[in-house]
Amino acid sequence: VAAQKCRKRKLNAILNLEEDVCNLQTQKESLKKEHSQCSKSINQIKQKLNNLYHDIFSRLRDDQGRPVNPCQYVIHCSSNGSVFIIPKHLAKSEQKQDNRKE
């Protein structure tokens, strides 16, 4: 009787583990789908941001009315919501200072 109960407990444990494996596989597939959707969303947002960036620079002009070169300038958003166009070399030095502060 003791051996029979032991075998029954062992079978129950195996069944529970098999059920857990099945549930985890289902959860894994769900997470894979969610990850894929998030990646697609991120790529779409990146593309929209890139389009916006190019659109902004296509409309910008310097003091003499010449187009602003996007290779030389970057768009900088401050914490208070202000947006600036600054030279890239200043943006890099500013990022270094921000990193030091953090």
Protein backbone atom coordinates (compact mmCIF):
# COMPACT_ATOMS: atom_id res chain seq x y z
CA VAL A 1 0.00 0.00 0.00
CA ALA A 2 2.85 2.41 0.85
CA ALA A 3 4.57 1.66 -2.45
CA GLN A 4 1.29 2.17 -4.30
CA LYS A 5 0.77 5.56 -2.61
CA CYS A 6 4.36 6.53 -3.43
CA ARG A 7 3.85 5.62 -7.10
CA LYS A 8 0.60 7.60 -7.15
CA ARG A 9 2.31 10.68 -5.65
CA LYS A 10 5.11 10.33 -8.17
CA LEU A 11 2.63 10.11 -11.07
CA ASN A 12 0.74 13.15 -9.73
CA ALA A 13 4.00 15.08 -9.48
CA ILE A 14 4.89 14.12 -13.06
CA LEU A 15 1.44 15.15 -14.31
CA ASN A 16 1.69 18.47 -12.49
CA LEU A 17 5.13 19.09 -13.96
CA GLU A 18 3.88 18.23 -17.46
CA GLU A 19 1.00 20.67 -16.98
CA ASP A 20 3.45 23.34 -15.81
CA VAL A 21 5.63 22.74 -18.88
CA CYS A 22 2.58 23.07 -21.14
CA ASN A 23 1.52 26.30 -19.43
CA LEU A 24 5.04 27.72 -19.67
CA GLN A 25 5.25 26.85 -23.37
CA THR A 26 1.96 28.65 -23.95
CA GLN A 27 3.22 31.64 -21.97
CA LYS A 28 6.48 31.60 -23.95
CA GLU A 29 4.61 31.70 -27.26
CA SER A 30 2.45 34.54 -25.99
CA LEU A 31 5.52 36.50 -24.91
CA LYS A 32 7.17 35.88 -28.28
CA LYS A 33 4.13 37.34 -30.04
CA GLU A 34 4.09 40.31 -27.69
CA HIS A 35 7.82 40.87 -28.25
CA SER A 36 7.31 40.74 -32.00
CA GLN A 37 4.47 43.28 -31.81
CA CYS A 38 6.56 45.57 -29.59
CA SER A 39 9.48 45.35 -32.01
CA LYS A 40 7.20 46.25 -34.91
CA SER A 41 5.80 49.19 -32.95
CA ILE A 42 9.27 50.42 -32.05
CA ASN A 43 10.38 50.20 -35.68
CA GLN A 44 7.30 52.13 -36.81
CA ILE A 45 7.93 54.83 -34.21
CA LYS A 46 11.59 55.04 -35.24
CA GLN A 47 10.54 55.44 -38.86
CA LYS A 48 8.01 58.14 -37.97
CA LEU A 49 10.62 59.95 -35.89
CA ASN A 50 13.12 59.72 -38.72
CA ASN A 51 10.53 61.11 -41.17
CA LEU A 52 9.72 63.92 -38.76
CA TYR A 53 13.41 64.69 -38.32
CA HIS A 54 13.91 64.94 -42.10
CA ASP A 55 10.73 66.99 -42.50
CA ILE A 56 11.86 69.47 -39.85
CA PHE A 57 15.31 69.86 -41.38
CA SER A 58 13.86 70.26 -44.88
CA ARG A 59 11.96 73.32 -43.64
CA LEU A 60 14.71 74.93 -41.57
CA ARG A 61 16.76 77.84 -42.92
CA ASP A 62 19.73 79.72 -41.48
CA ASP A 63 20.00 83.51 -41.20
CA GLN A 64 20.89 83.79 -44.90
CA GLY A 65 17.95 81.62 -45.99
CA ARG A 66 20.06 78.57 -46.79
CA PRO A 67 18.86 75.09 -45.74
CA VAL A 68 20.26 73.84 -42.44
CA ASN A 69 22.55 70.85 -42.92
CA PRO A 70 21.27 67.90 -40.83
CA CYS A 71 24.80 66.46 -40.83
CA GLN A 72 26.01 69.46 -38.83
CA TYR A 73 23.05 70.05 -36.50
CA VAL A 74 20.82 68.01 -34.22
CA ILE A 75 17.40 68.57 -32.70
CA HIS A 76 17.63 68.85 -28.92
CA CYS A 77 14.61 68.61 -26.62
CA SER A 78 15.07 69.98 -23.12
CA SER A 79 13.33 68.68 -20.03
CA ASN A 80 10.93 71.66 -20.01
CA GLY A 81 9.67 70.84 -23.52
CA SER A 82 11.73 73.41 -25.43
CA VAL A 83 13.16 72.31 -28.76
CA PHE A 84 16.46 73.64 -30.09
CA ILE A 85 18.60 73.10 -33.16
CA ILE A 86 22.21 72.97 -32.01
CA PRO A 87 25.52 72.08 -33.66
CA LYS A 88 26.46 68.42 -33.27
CA HIS A 89 29.76 69.17 -31.54
CA LEU A 90 27.88 71.08 -28.81
CA ALA A 91 25.35 68.28 -28.45
CA LYS A 92 28.12 65.72 -27.91
CA SER A 93 29.78 67.80 -25.22
CA GLU A 94 26.40 68.38 -23.58
CA GLN A 95 25.71 64.64 -23.54
CA LYS A 96 29.06 64.04 -21.85
CA GLN A 97 28.15 66.58 -19.18
CA ASP A 98 24.72 64.97 -18.67
CA ASN A 99 26.37 61.56 -18.32
CA ARG A 100 28.74 62.92 -15.70
CA LYS A 101 25.82 64.40 -13.75
CA GLU A 102 24.01 61.06 -13.75
